[in-house]
N, C-alpha and C. Protein backbone atom coordinates (compact mmCIF):
# COMPACT_ATOMS: atom_id res chain seq x y z
N MET A 1 98.35 73.97 65.63
CA MET A 1 99.72 73.79 66.34
C MET A 1 100.58 75.01 65.91
N LEU A 2 101.18 75.52 66.90
CA LEU A 2 102.08 76.59 66.56
C LEU A 2 103.61 76.23 66.72
N THR A 3 104.30 76.57 65.90
CA THR A 3 105.80 76.30 65.92
C THR A 3 106.53 77.60 66.01
N ALA A 4 107.69 77.58 66.75
CA ALA A 4 108.43 78.67 66.98
C ALA A 4 109.89 78.24 66.77
N ASP A 5 110.67 79.17 66.22
CA ASP A 5 112.02 79.00 66.12
C ASP A 5 112.81 79.17 67.46
N PRO A 6 113.41 78.05 67.88
CA PRO A 6 114.09 78.19 69.14
C PRO A 6 115.15 79.23 69.22
N SER A 7 115.83 79.64 68.13
CA SER A 7 116.91 80.78 68.21
C SER A 7 116.18 81.97 68.38
N ALA A 8 114.95 82.24 67.97
CA ALA A 8 114.21 83.45 68.14
C ALA A 8 113.94 83.74 69.64
N LEU A 9 113.53 82.69 70.33
CA LEU A 9 113.26 82.69 71.70
C LEU A 9 114.68 83.07 72.54
N GLN A 10 115.68 82.46 72.06
CA GLN A 10 116.93 82.71 72.66
C GLN A 10 117.43 84.17 72.42
N ASP A 11 117.07 84.70 71.23
CA ASP A 11 117.35 86.17 71.01
C ASP A 11 116.67 87.08 72.01
N VAL A 12 115.38 86.76 72.05
CA VAL A 12 114.50 87.55 73.01
C VAL A 12 115.07 87.46 74.51
N THR A 13 115.38 86.31 74.88
CA THR A 13 116.00 86.17 76.25
C THR A 13 117.26 86.89 76.42
N GLU A 14 118.03 86.83 75.43
CA GLU A 14 119.34 87.54 75.46
C GLU A 14 119.12 89.06 75.49
N SER A 15 118.15 89.51 74.72
CA SER A 15 117.86 90.96 74.77
C SER A 15 117.29 91.43 76.08
N ILE A 16 116.47 90.59 76.73
CA ILE A 16 115.88 90.84 78.08
C ILE A 16 117.11 90.95 79.10
N ARG A 17 118.05 89.98 78.99
CA ARG A 17 119.21 90.03 79.87
C ARG A 17 120.09 91.20 79.74
N ALA A 18 120.30 91.61 78.45
CA ALA A 18 121.05 92.76 78.15
C ALA A 18 120.38 94.05 78.67
N THR A 19 119.11 94.09 78.50
CA THR A 19 118.33 95.26 78.97
C THR A 19 118.46 95.41 80.48
N LEU A 20 118.17 94.24 81.25
CA LEU A 20 118.26 94.22 82.65
C LEU A 20 119.70 94.55 83.11
N GLN A 21 120.80 94.20 82.41
CA GLN A 21 122.14 94.50 82.83
C GLN A 21 122.35 96.12 82.67
N ASN A 22 121.83 96.69 81.50
CA ASN A 22 121.91 98.07 81.33
C ASN A 22 121.14 98.84 82.35
N VAL A 23 119.95 98.41 82.80
CA VAL A 23 119.22 99.08 83.82
C VAL A 23 119.98 98.91 85.12
N ASN A 24 120.54 97.72 85.45
CA ASN A 24 121.28 97.59 86.65
C ASN A 24 122.43 98.47 86.77
N ARG A 25 123.15 98.54 85.62
CA ARG A 25 124.28 99.52 85.42
C ARG A 25 123.88 100.89 85.63
N LEU A 26 122.80 101.34 85.11
CA LEU A 26 122.34 102.65 85.12
C LEU A 26 122.05 103.07 86.63
N VAL A 27 121.26 102.16 87.21
CA VAL A 27 121.05 102.37 88.65
C VAL A 27 122.30 102.49 89.61
N ALA A 28 123.18 101.52 89.31
CA ALA A 28 124.50 101.50 90.00
C ALA A 28 125.28 102.72 89.84
N ASP A 29 125.30 103.15 88.53
CA ASP A 29 126.13 104.35 88.14
C ASP A 29 125.57 105.60 88.71
N ASN A 30 124.19 105.67 89.01
CA ASN A 30 123.57 106.97 89.41
C ASN A 30 122.96 106.81 90.79
N GLN A 31 123.41 105.83 91.41
CA GLN A 31 122.85 105.55 92.80
C GLN A 31 122.98 106.66 93.83
N GLU A 32 124.07 107.16 93.89
CA GLU A 32 124.42 108.35 94.77
C GLU A 32 123.59 109.63 94.34
N SER A 33 123.62 109.92 93.12
CA SER A 33 122.73 111.01 92.63
C SER A 33 121.37 110.88 92.96
N VAL A 34 120.82 109.75 92.70
CA VAL A 34 119.39 109.50 93.02
C VAL A 34 119.05 109.73 94.59
N LYS A 35 120.10 109.06 95.39
CA LYS A 35 119.87 109.23 96.79
C LYS A 35 119.91 110.59 97.26
N ASN A 36 120.85 111.42 96.66
CA ASN A 36 120.95 112.85 97.14
C ASN A 36 119.79 113.54 96.76
N SER A 37 119.24 113.37 95.50
CA SER A 37 118.11 113.96 95.02
C SER A 37 116.90 113.64 96.06
N LEU A 38 116.68 112.40 96.32
CA LEU A 38 115.62 112.06 97.20
C LEU A 38 115.80 112.61 98.62
N ARG A 39 117.01 112.69 99.08
CA ARG A 39 117.23 113.44 100.43
C ARG A 39 116.77 114.89 100.38
N ASN A 40 117.28 115.46 99.18
CA ASN A 40 116.90 116.90 99.04
C ASN A 40 115.32 117.04 98.93
N LEU A 41 114.75 116.21 98.21
CA LEU A 41 113.27 116.25 98.24
C LEU A 41 112.57 116.03 99.51
N GLU A 42 113.10 115.08 100.29
CA GLU A 42 112.64 114.72 101.65
C GLU A 42 112.82 116.07 102.53
N THR A 43 113.98 116.70 102.40
CA THR A 43 114.27 117.79 103.31
C THR A 43 113.26 118.93 102.87
N PHE A 44 113.06 119.09 101.59
CA PHE A 44 112.15 120.16 101.17
C PHE A 44 110.70 119.95 101.66
N THR A 45 110.28 118.62 101.63
CA THR A 45 108.85 118.39 101.97
C THR A 45 108.75 118.52 103.48
N ALA A 46 109.79 118.12 104.24
CA ALA A 46 109.76 118.25 105.71
C ALA A 46 109.78 119.69 106.11
N THR A 47 110.55 120.60 105.37
CA THR A 47 110.42 121.98 105.63
C THR A 47 109.11 122.53 105.39
N LEU A 48 108.53 122.23 104.34
CA LEU A 48 107.15 122.66 104.01
C LEU A 48 106.15 122.22 105.14
N ALA A 49 106.37 120.98 105.54
CA ALA A 49 105.47 120.52 106.61
C ALA A 49 105.70 121.24 107.80
N ARG A 50 106.89 121.57 108.23
CA ARG A 50 107.17 122.35 109.48
C ARG A 50 106.53 123.71 109.43
N ASN A 51 106.55 124.25 108.20
CA ASN A 51 106.04 125.69 108.04
C ASN A 51 104.64 125.81 107.58
N SER A 52 103.91 124.79 107.63
CA SER A 52 102.44 124.70 107.17
C SER A 52 101.60 125.78 107.97
N GLU A 53 101.87 125.80 109.43
CA GLU A 53 101.17 126.81 110.05
C GLU A 53 101.46 128.20 109.66
N LYS A 54 102.76 128.44 109.37
CA LYS A 54 103.05 129.79 108.84
C LYS A 54 102.40 130.16 107.62
N ILE A 55 102.30 129.15 106.72
CA ILE A 55 101.60 129.33 105.46
C ILE A 55 100.03 129.55 105.67
N ASP A 56 99.67 128.85 106.70
CA ASP A 56 98.13 129.03 106.94
C ASP A 56 97.90 130.49 107.60
N ASN A 57 98.82 130.92 108.36
CA ASN A 57 98.77 132.28 109.02
C ASN A 57 98.79 133.31 107.90
N VAL A 58 99.67 133.11 106.87
CA VAL A 58 99.78 134.03 105.75
C VAL A 58 98.41 134.16 105.00
N MET A 59 97.87 132.98 104.77
CA MET A 59 96.64 132.89 104.01
C MET A 59 95.54 133.58 104.86
N LEU A 60 95.48 133.44 106.13
CA LEU A 60 94.57 134.18 107.04
C LEU A 60 94.70 135.64 106.85
N ARG A 61 96.03 136.12 106.93
CA ARG A 61 96.25 137.50 106.69
C ARG A 61 95.69 137.96 105.43
N VAL A 62 95.92 137.18 104.30
CA VAL A 62 95.42 137.63 103.00
C VAL A 62 93.94 137.69 103.03
N ASP A 63 93.27 136.74 103.67
CA ASP A 63 91.86 136.82 103.84
C ASP A 63 91.47 138.14 104.54
N GLY A 64 92.16 138.58 105.58
CA GLY A 64 91.89 139.80 106.26
C GLY A 64 92.01 141.01 105.33
N VAL A 65 93.21 141.02 104.56
CA VAL A 65 93.29 142.06 103.64
C VAL A 65 92.35 142.19 102.64
N MET A 66 91.80 141.00 102.18
CA MET A 66 90.74 141.00 101.20
C MET A 66 89.57 141.45 101.67
N GLY A 67 89.18 141.18 103.07
CA GLY A 67 87.98 141.79 103.56
C GLY A 67 88.10 143.37 103.69
N LYS A 68 89.32 143.73 104.09
CA LYS A 68 89.36 145.31 104.19
C LYS A 68 89.35 145.90 102.83
N ALA A 69 89.83 145.21 101.83
CA ALA A 69 89.76 145.79 100.45
C ALA A 69 88.24 145.74 99.89
N ASP A 70 87.58 144.71 100.40
CA ASP A 70 86.14 144.75 100.00
C ASP A 70 85.47 145.73 100.63
N GLY A 71 85.80 146.10 101.92
CA GLY A 71 85.08 147.26 102.66
C GLY A 71 85.45 148.53 101.95
N LEU A 72 86.76 148.69 101.63
CA LEU A 72 87.21 149.92 100.88
C LEU A 72 86.43 150.09 99.56
N MET A 73 86.24 148.94 98.83
CA MET A 73 85.58 148.97 97.55
C MET A 73 84.16 149.42 97.73
N LEU A 74 83.50 148.89 98.84
CA LEU A 74 82.10 149.29 99.03
C LEU A 74 82.05 150.81 99.45
N GLY A 75 83.06 151.20 100.17
CA GLY A 75 83.03 152.71 100.44
C GLY A 75 83.31 153.58 99.20
N LEU A 76 84.24 153.16 98.31
CA LEU A 76 84.32 153.83 97.11
C LEU A 76 83.04 153.75 96.24
N ASN A 77 82.39 152.66 96.17
CA ASN A 77 81.21 152.44 95.48
C ASN A 77 80.13 153.54 95.99
N THR A 78 80.06 153.74 97.32
CA THR A 78 79.16 154.73 97.84
C THR A 78 79.52 156.11 97.47
N ILE A 79 80.84 156.34 97.53
CA ILE A 79 81.27 157.79 97.05
C ILE A 79 81.05 158.01 95.56
N ALA A 80 81.16 156.93 94.83
CA ALA A 80 80.97 157.06 93.50
C ALA A 80 79.49 157.22 92.97
N GLY A 81 78.56 156.96 93.88
CA GLY A 81 77.17 157.08 93.47
C GLY A 81 76.39 155.94 93.49
N GLY A 82 76.78 154.97 94.30
CA GLY A 82 76.03 153.71 94.58
C GLY A 82 75.99 152.77 93.37
N SER A 83 74.86 152.22 93.15
CA SER A 83 74.60 151.24 92.08
C SER A 83 74.67 151.90 90.66
N ALA A 84 74.35 153.26 90.59
CA ALA A 84 74.34 153.86 89.45
C ALA A 84 75.70 154.63 89.19
N GLY A 85 76.68 154.13 89.84
CA GLY A 85 78.08 154.81 89.77
C GLY A 85 78.76 154.70 88.57
N GLY A 86 78.41 153.95 87.51
CA GLY A 86 79.07 154.01 86.17
C GLY A 86 80.27 153.04 86.28
N GLU A 87 81.41 153.57 85.62
CA GLU A 87 82.58 152.78 85.45
C GLU A 87 83.25 152.41 86.88
N LEU A 88 83.25 153.31 87.81
CA LEU A 88 83.84 152.91 89.14
C LEU A 88 83.07 151.85 89.76
N ASN A 89 81.83 151.83 89.63
CA ASN A 89 81.15 150.76 90.22
C ASN A 89 81.43 149.33 89.49
N LEU A 90 81.53 149.37 88.12
CA LEU A 90 81.93 148.13 87.52
C LEU A 90 83.34 147.74 87.96
N MET A 91 84.20 148.71 88.07
CA MET A 91 85.52 148.32 88.49
C MET A 91 85.56 147.73 89.91
N VAL A 92 84.81 148.31 90.76
CA VAL A 92 84.72 147.82 92.22
C VAL A 92 84.12 146.40 92.15
N LYS A 93 83.09 146.15 91.31
CA LYS A 93 82.52 144.75 91.29
C LYS A 93 83.62 143.81 90.79
N SER A 94 84.29 144.18 89.75
CA SER A 94 85.34 143.36 89.15
C SER A 94 86.37 142.99 90.22
N ILE A 95 86.81 143.99 90.89
CA ILE A 95 88.01 143.76 91.94
C ILE A 95 87.42 142.81 93.01
N ARG A 96 86.14 143.09 93.44
CA ARG A 96 85.54 142.18 94.44
C ARG A 96 85.49 140.74 93.93
N GLU A 97 85.00 140.57 92.74
CA GLU A 97 84.98 139.23 92.19
C GLU A 97 86.34 138.52 92.11
N LEU A 98 87.30 139.44 91.74
CA LEU A 98 88.63 138.86 91.69
C LEU A 98 89.20 138.43 93.08
N ALA A 99 88.86 139.22 94.13
CA ALA A 99 89.19 138.91 95.47
C ALA A 99 88.58 137.72 95.83
N GLU A 100 87.29 137.50 95.66
CA GLU A 100 86.54 136.31 96.01
C GLU A 100 87.07 135.05 95.28
N ASP A 101 87.41 135.13 94.00
CA ASP A 101 87.89 134.09 93.17
C ASP A 101 89.29 133.74 93.68
N PHE A 102 90.17 134.66 94.07
CA PHE A 102 91.48 134.45 94.63
C PHE A 102 91.27 133.73 95.95
N ASP A 103 90.40 134.13 96.82
CA ASP A 103 90.29 133.38 98.03
C ASP A 103 89.87 132.00 97.83
N LYS A 104 88.93 131.72 96.94
CA LYS A 104 88.50 130.35 96.67
C LYS A 104 89.64 129.43 96.08
N ARG A 105 90.38 130.01 95.15
CA ARG A 105 91.51 129.37 94.52
C ARG A 105 92.72 129.08 95.45
N SER A 106 92.90 130.09 96.24
CA SER A 106 94.11 129.94 97.18
C SER A 106 93.84 128.75 98.22
N GLY A 107 92.58 128.69 98.59
CA GLY A 107 92.29 127.43 99.60
C GLY A 107 92.39 126.18 98.77
N ALA A 108 91.81 126.12 97.65
CA ALA A 108 92.04 124.92 96.74
C ALA A 108 93.53 124.48 96.53
N LEU A 109 94.30 125.59 96.26
CA LEU A 109 95.72 125.43 95.89
C LEU A 109 96.49 124.87 97.12
N MET A 110 96.17 125.42 98.38
CA MET A 110 96.74 124.96 99.57
C MET A 110 96.43 123.48 99.75
N THR A 111 95.22 123.13 99.60
CA THR A 111 94.73 121.74 99.75
C THR A 111 95.57 120.81 98.77
N ASP A 112 95.50 121.22 97.54
CA ASP A 112 96.24 120.41 96.52
C ASP A 112 97.62 120.29 96.77
N GLY A 113 98.26 121.44 97.26
CA GLY A 113 99.73 121.47 97.53
C GLY A 113 99.89 120.48 98.70
N ARG A 114 99.18 120.60 99.80
CA ARG A 114 99.42 119.59 100.80
C ARG A 114 99.28 118.12 100.39
N ARG A 115 98.28 117.83 99.63
CA ARG A 115 98.02 116.42 99.21
C ARG A 115 99.30 116.03 98.33
N THR A 116 99.73 117.03 97.41
CA THR A 116 100.94 116.58 96.60
C THR A 116 102.15 116.31 97.41
N LEU A 117 102.39 117.18 98.40
CA LEU A 117 103.57 117.00 99.26
C LEU A 117 103.39 115.68 100.06
N SER A 118 102.19 115.42 100.51
CA SER A 118 102.05 114.07 101.24
C SER A 118 102.27 112.89 100.25
N ASP A 119 101.86 112.94 98.99
CA ASP A 119 102.15 111.96 97.98
C ASP A 119 103.63 111.81 97.77
N ILE A 120 104.24 112.92 97.60
CA ILE A 120 105.73 112.96 97.31
C ILE A 120 106.49 112.26 98.56
N SER A 121 106.03 112.71 99.68
CA SER A 121 106.70 112.18 100.86
C SER A 121 106.44 110.69 101.02
N ARG A 122 105.19 110.20 100.70
CA ARG A 122 105.00 108.80 100.81
C ARG A 122 105.80 108.08 99.68
N ALA A 123 105.95 108.62 98.53
CA ALA A 123 106.80 108.06 97.49
C ALA A 123 108.27 107.95 97.87
N VAL A 124 108.73 108.89 98.38
CA VAL A 124 110.22 108.96 98.90
C VAL A 124 110.33 107.91 99.91
N ASN A 125 109.43 107.84 100.88
CA ASN A 125 109.51 106.73 101.91
C ASN A 125 109.45 105.39 101.40
N ASN A 126 108.57 105.10 100.42
CA ASN A 126 108.37 103.81 99.76
C ASN A 126 109.62 103.47 99.04
N PHE A 127 110.12 104.45 98.30
CA PHE A 127 111.31 104.16 97.61
C PHE A 127 112.57 103.95 98.55
N ASP A 128 112.61 104.60 99.62
CA ASP A 128 113.79 104.44 100.54
C ASP A 128 113.61 102.99 101.06
N ARG A 129 112.32 102.53 101.32
CA ARG A 129 112.17 101.16 101.93
C ARG A 129 112.45 100.14 100.98
N ASN A 130 112.05 100.34 99.62
CA ASN A 130 112.14 99.39 98.67
C ASN A 130 112.51 99.84 97.24
N PRO A 131 113.77 100.20 97.09
CA PRO A 131 114.19 100.81 95.82
C PRO A 131 114.07 100.05 94.53
N THR A 132 113.92 98.63 94.68
CA THR A 132 113.84 97.82 93.55
C THR A 132 112.47 97.86 92.86
N ARG A 133 111.44 98.52 93.47
CA ARG A 133 110.24 98.70 92.88
C ARG A 133 110.39 99.59 91.59
N VAL A 134 111.36 100.48 91.51
CA VAL A 134 111.54 101.27 90.29
C VAL A 134 111.90 100.52 89.05
N ILE A 135 112.62 99.34 89.31
CA ILE A 135 113.19 98.48 88.33
C ILE A 135 112.08 97.40 88.01
N PHE A 136 111.53 96.72 89.10
CA PHE A 136 110.84 95.64 88.89
C PHE A 136 109.31 95.76 88.98
N GLY A 137 108.85 97.03 89.40
CA GLY A 137 107.41 97.26 89.38
C GLY A 137 106.91 97.22 90.79
N GLY A 138 105.64 97.87 90.89
CA GLY A 138 105.11 98.10 92.30
C GLY A 138 104.63 96.78 93.01
N GLY A 139 104.30 95.67 92.30
CA GLY A 139 103.99 94.47 92.96
C GLY A 139 105.05 93.77 93.65
N ASN A 140 106.25 94.10 93.51
CA ASN A 140 107.43 93.34 94.03
C ASN A 140 107.64 93.87 95.41
N THR A 141 107.41 92.99 96.46
CA THR A 141 107.72 93.57 97.91
C THR A 141 108.99 93.04 98.41
N GLN A 142 109.64 92.20 97.71
CA GLN A 142 110.99 91.59 98.10
C GLN A 142 111.92 91.91 97.12
N ALA A 143 113.22 92.13 97.58
CA ALA A 143 114.30 92.41 96.67
C ALA A 143 114.49 91.22 95.73
N ALA A 144 114.55 91.55 94.43
CA ALA A 144 114.76 90.35 93.38
C ALA A 144 116.18 90.26 93.20
N ASP A 145 116.55 88.99 92.75
CA ASP A 145 117.96 88.78 92.48
C ASP A 145 118.34 89.69 91.21
N PRO A 146 119.53 90.26 91.21
CA PRO A 146 119.95 90.97 90.08
C PRO A 146 120.15 90.07 88.85
N ALA A 147 120.00 90.70 87.70
CA ALA A 147 120.04 89.91 86.46
C ALA A 147 121.47 89.31 86.30
N PRO A 148 121.70 88.05 85.88
CA PRO A 148 122.92 87.50 85.79
C PRO A 148 123.94 88.22 84.89
N THR A 149 125.18 88.34 85.20
CA THR A 149 126.13 88.97 84.35
C THR A 149 127.03 87.95 83.76
N ALA A 150 127.86 88.43 82.86
CA ALA A 150 128.89 87.46 82.21
C ALA A 150 129.94 87.00 83.26
N ALA A 151 130.18 87.73 84.31
CA ALA A 151 131.22 87.30 85.29
C ALA A 151 130.67 86.37 86.30
N ALA A 152 129.33 86.25 86.42
CA ALA A 152 128.71 85.38 87.41
C ALA A 152 127.56 84.63 86.76
N PRO A 153 127.72 83.24 86.76
CA PRO A 153 126.62 82.46 86.06
C PRO A 153 125.34 82.56 86.98
N PRO A 154 124.22 82.43 86.37
CA PRO A 154 122.87 82.56 87.07
C PRO A 154 122.85 81.35 88.11
N ARG A 155 122.19 81.79 89.25
CA ARG A 155 122.07 80.87 90.38
C ARG A 155 120.89 79.80 89.98
N PRO A 156 121.16 78.57 90.42
CA PRO A 156 120.12 77.62 90.17
C PRO A 156 118.87 77.92 90.94
N ALA A 157 117.77 77.60 90.56
CA ALA A 157 116.52 77.85 91.17
C ALA A 157 116.44 76.90 92.35
N THR A 158 115.81 77.44 93.52
CA THR A 158 115.70 76.49 94.70
C THR A 158 114.24 76.46 94.94
N SER A 159 113.87 75.32 95.51
CA SER A 159 112.43 75.16 95.72
C SER A 159 112.25 75.04 97.32
N ALA A 160 111.21 75.63 97.80
CA ALA A 160 110.99 75.72 99.20
C ALA A 160 110.17 74.39 99.60
N ALA A 161 109.69 73.66 98.65
CA ALA A 161 108.91 72.45 98.94
C ALA A 161 109.80 71.23 99.29
N PRO A 162 109.47 70.36 100.10
CA PRO A 162 110.26 69.25 100.46
C PRO A 162 110.32 68.25 99.26
N PRO A 163 111.34 67.48 99.10
CA PRO A 163 111.44 66.48 97.99
C PRO A 163 110.28 65.49 98.04
N ARG A 164 109.79 65.13 97.03
CA ARG A 164 108.67 64.22 96.90
C ARG A 164 109.15 62.81 97.14
N GLN A 165 108.45 62.06 97.84
CA GLN A 165 108.64 60.61 98.16
C GLN A 165 108.07 59.70 96.91
N PRO A 166 108.82 58.70 96.61
CA PRO A 166 108.21 57.87 95.59
C PRO A 166 106.86 57.28 96.26
N SER A 167 105.91 57.01 95.32
CA SER A 167 104.61 56.62 95.72
C SER A 167 104.69 55.26 96.27
N GLY A 168 104.77 54.57 96.94
CA GLY A 168 104.77 53.36 97.61
C GLY A 168 105.56 53.31 98.96
N GLN A 169 106.33 54.44 99.13
CA GLN A 169 107.16 54.53 100.32
C GLN A 169 106.42 55.64 101.22
N ARG A 170 106.62 55.38 102.50
CA ARG A 170 106.05 56.37 103.41
C ARG A 170 107.18 57.01 104.09
N ARG A 171 106.77 58.22 104.54
CA ARG A 171 107.82 59.12 105.27
C ARG A 171 107.88 58.65 106.67
N GLN A 172 108.99 58.59 107.36
CA GLN A 172 108.97 58.26 108.75
C GLN A 172 109.43 59.49 109.61
């Protein structure tokens, strides 16, 4: 058998209420700032989404420049004496590897950037639809009642089930 001090439970309940009141006050005090920040973030992501073709075109141009640089390096390699060209040959190989690495990484960076922007946009939209998730967690799909305050007593719980009939009586 476990025994607990009822006053300890009451202290925990009061602490929870005070914490929820503080969170509620914090959200209320900063509501406009949070909304403005989210609007700015949404504007930024929308701008990036609108300019995604331009970004793709820039990356295609970079690929073209890299191809030309690769051709130039091959020409320099030939001028420098082919595979036995010494330091210039090593430098050309290094630059070629750098260009290929940049090409691979830039594609991955673009993909990750788009995925991140999509995640941010989805989070902003979800927050806009249901801001109480920030306070009460992701599983809450309906707006929860705010924590009771000293000015307003807690509302009594209501039941959606009809009242039970005493056992011997029938419902008509």
